[in-house]
Amino acid sequence: QVQLVESGGGLVQAGGSLRLSCAASGRTFSSYAMGWFRQAPGKEREFVAAIIWNLPITSYADSVKGRFTITRDNAKNTGYLQMNSLKPEDTAVYYCAAASRRSGVPLKNDGQYDAWGQGTQVTVSS
């Protein structure tokens, strides 16, 4: 099983940027699909972005499309979520997740993921 640790969250003004990192250990990260999810207070966890295990094929929630970019550096066992043009409604705890399922399409369902990080808080002020 892979272990995940997120970092890079914080407080930012609307219109600003943050880059979240997801450091993986324990198993070969390159064999795992990766995703980012978020959960705002009082709301259910929702899909943000995903990338498949072996190619830069990605998918995004409509609410972040054009503003967020998911990437991975398998040599560093790390995944990233670059977040630009942040809005107050992006405020949430962000979680990275890894899936051992080798799908050719990005995984958008949190039930498809095997491992989760502890989460990192992102707060966007207006």
Protein backbone atom coordinates (compact mmCIF):
# COMPACT_ATOMS: atom_id res chain seq x y z
CA GLN A 1 0.00 0.00 0.00
CA VAL A 2 1.22 3.47 -0.82
CA GLN A 3 1.29 6.20 1.83
CA LEU A 4 0.47 9.80 0.89
CA VAL A 5 1.28 13.12 2.53
CA GLU A 6 -0.11 16.40 1.23
CA SER A 7 1.47 19.81 1.68
CA GLY A 8 1.21 23.31 0.27
CA GLY A 9 -2.13 24.43 1.62
CA GLY A 10 -2.65 27.79 3.26
CA LEU A 11 -4.47 31.10 3.22
CA VAL A 12 -4.57 33.07 -0.03
CA GLN A 13 -6.56 35.98 -1.39
CA ALA A 14 -9.05 35.52 -4.18
CA GLY A 15 -7.28 35.49 -7.51
CA GLY A 16 -4.12 34.06 -6.01
CA SER A 17 -2.39 30.72 -6.57
CA LEU A 18 -1.25 27.73 -4.57
CA ARG A 19 0.48 24.50 -5.48
CA LEU A 20 -0.37 21.41 -3.50
CA SER A 21 2.05 18.50 -3.35
CA CYS A 22 1.34 14.85 -2.62
CA ALA A 23 4.41 12.86 -1.60
CA ALA A 24 4.09 9.09 -1.95
CA SER A 25 6.04 6.33 -0.23
CA GLY A 26 5.81 2.61 0.34
CA ARG A 27 5.10 1.39 -3.17
CA THR A 28 6.00 2.33 -6.72
CA PHE A 29 4.10 5.55 -7.21
CA SER A 30 4.35 5.31 -11.00
CA SER A 31 2.01 2.31 -11.00
CA TYR A 32 -0.80 4.22 -9.26
CA ALA A 33 -3.44 6.51 -10.70
CA MET A 34 -3.79 9.72 -8.73
CA GLY A 35 -6.59 12.06 -7.88
CA TRP A 36 -7.40 15.15 -5.87
CA PHE A 37 -10.64 15.61 -3.94
CA ARG A 38 -11.85 18.32 -1.60
CA GLN A 39 -14.36 18.69 1.20
CA ALA A 40 -15.79 22.00 2.33
CA PRO A 41 -17.47 22.42 5.74
CA GLY A 42 -20.93 20.90 5.74
CA LYS A 43 -20.50 19.42 2.29
CA GLU A 44 -19.64 16.01 0.90
CA ARG A 45 -16.23 15.24 -0.51
CA GLU A 46 -16.08 16.06 -4.21
CA PHE A 47 -13.86 15.22 -7.13
CA VAL A 48 -11.40 17.90 -8.26
CA ALA A 49 -8.90 16.36 -10.69
CA ALA A 50 -7.37 13.03 -11.70
CA ILE A 51 -4.51 11.68 -13.79
CA ILE A 52 -3.98 8.13 -14.98
CA TRP A 53 -1.05 6.01 -13.92
CA ASN A 54 1.18 6.00 -16.97
CA LEU A 55 0.32 8.96 -19.21
CA PRO A 56 -0.56 12.63 -18.69
CA ILE A 57 -4.23 11.97 -19.36
CA THR A 58 -6.27 14.11 -17.01
CA SER A 59 -9.80 15.04 -16.04
CA TYR A 60 -11.19 17.96 -14.05
CA ALA A 61 -14.37 18.98 -12.32
CA ASP A 62 -16.18 21.68 -14.27
CA SER A 63 -15.78 24.07 -11.35
CA VAL A 64 -11.96 24.04 -11.64
CA LYS A 65 -11.43 23.43 -15.34
CA GLY A 66 -9.09 26.02 -16.81
CA ARG A 67 -7.84 27.09 -13.37
CA PHE A 68 -6.35 23.93 -11.84
CA THR A 69 -3.73 21.60 -13.29
CA ILE A 70 -2.86 18.13 -12.05
CA THR A 71 0.59 16.73 -12.77
CA ARG A 72 2.89 14.06 -11.45
CA ASP A 73 6.64 13.51 -11.27
CA ASN A 74 7.17 9.78 -10.93
CA ALA A 75 10.92 10.23 -10.48
CA LYS A 76 10.16 12.20 -7.32
CA ASN A 77 7.19 10.05 -6.26
CA THR A 78 5.15 13.22 -6.05
CA GLY A 79 1.93 14.52 -7.48
CA TYR A 80 0.88 18.14 -7.73
CA LEU A 81 -2.19 20.30 -8.02
CA GLN A 82 -1.49 23.79 -9.33
CA MET A 83 -4.39 26.06 -8.42
CA ASN A 84 -4.68 29.46 -10.10
CA SER A 85 -7.35 32.16 -10.02
CA LEU A 86 -8.56 30.87 -6.70
CA LYS A 87 -12.05 31.73 -5.53
CA PRO A 88 -13.59 31.75 -2.04
CA GLU A 89 -15.68 28.74 -3.06
CA ASP A 90 -12.46 26.77 -3.49
CA THR A 91 -12.02 26.85 0.29
CA ALA A 92 -11.86 23.26 1.53
CA VAL A 93 -9.65 20.52 2.84
CA TYR A 94 -7.89 19.00 -0.16
CA TYR A 95 -7.01 15.30 -0.25
CA CYS A 96 -4.81 13.41 -2.64
CA ALA A 97 -5.60 9.78 -3.38
CA ALA A 98 -3.93 6.88 -5.16
CA ALA A 99 -5.50 3.94 -6.95
CA SER A 100 -3.78 0.70 -7.90
CA ARG A 101 -6.35 0.21 -10.66
CA ARG A 102 -4.60 0.69 -14.01
CA SER A 103 -7.34 2.37 -15.95
CA GLY A 104 -6.86 4.20 -19.21
CA VAL A 105 -9.26 6.89 -18.10
CA PRO A 106 -8.97 9.19 -15.07
CA LEU A 107 -10.82 7.93 -12.00
CA LYS A 108 -13.42 10.36 -10.68
CA ASN A 109 -15.11 8.27 -8.01
CA ASP A 110 -13.55 8.34 -4.54
CA GLY A 111 -14.54 4.69 -4.09
CA GLN A 112 -12.04 3.74 -6.77
CA TYR A 113 -9.07 4.89 -4.69
CA ASP A 114 -7.10 2.69 -2.30
CA ALA A 115 -5.04 5.21 -0.34
CA TRP A 116 -5.62 8.72 0.97
CA GLY A 117 -3.54 11.48 2.46
CA GLN A 118 -4.46 13.30 5.64
CA GLY A 119 -5.60 16.43 3.83
CA THR A 120 -4.36 20.01 3.64
CA GLN A 121 -6.47 23.10 4.30
CA VAL A 122 -6.91 25.68 1.56
CA THR A 123 -8.62 28.93 2.53
CA VAL A 124 -9.37 31.62 -0.03
CA SER A 125 -10.37 35.01 1.32
CA SER A 126 -12.52 37.45 -0.63
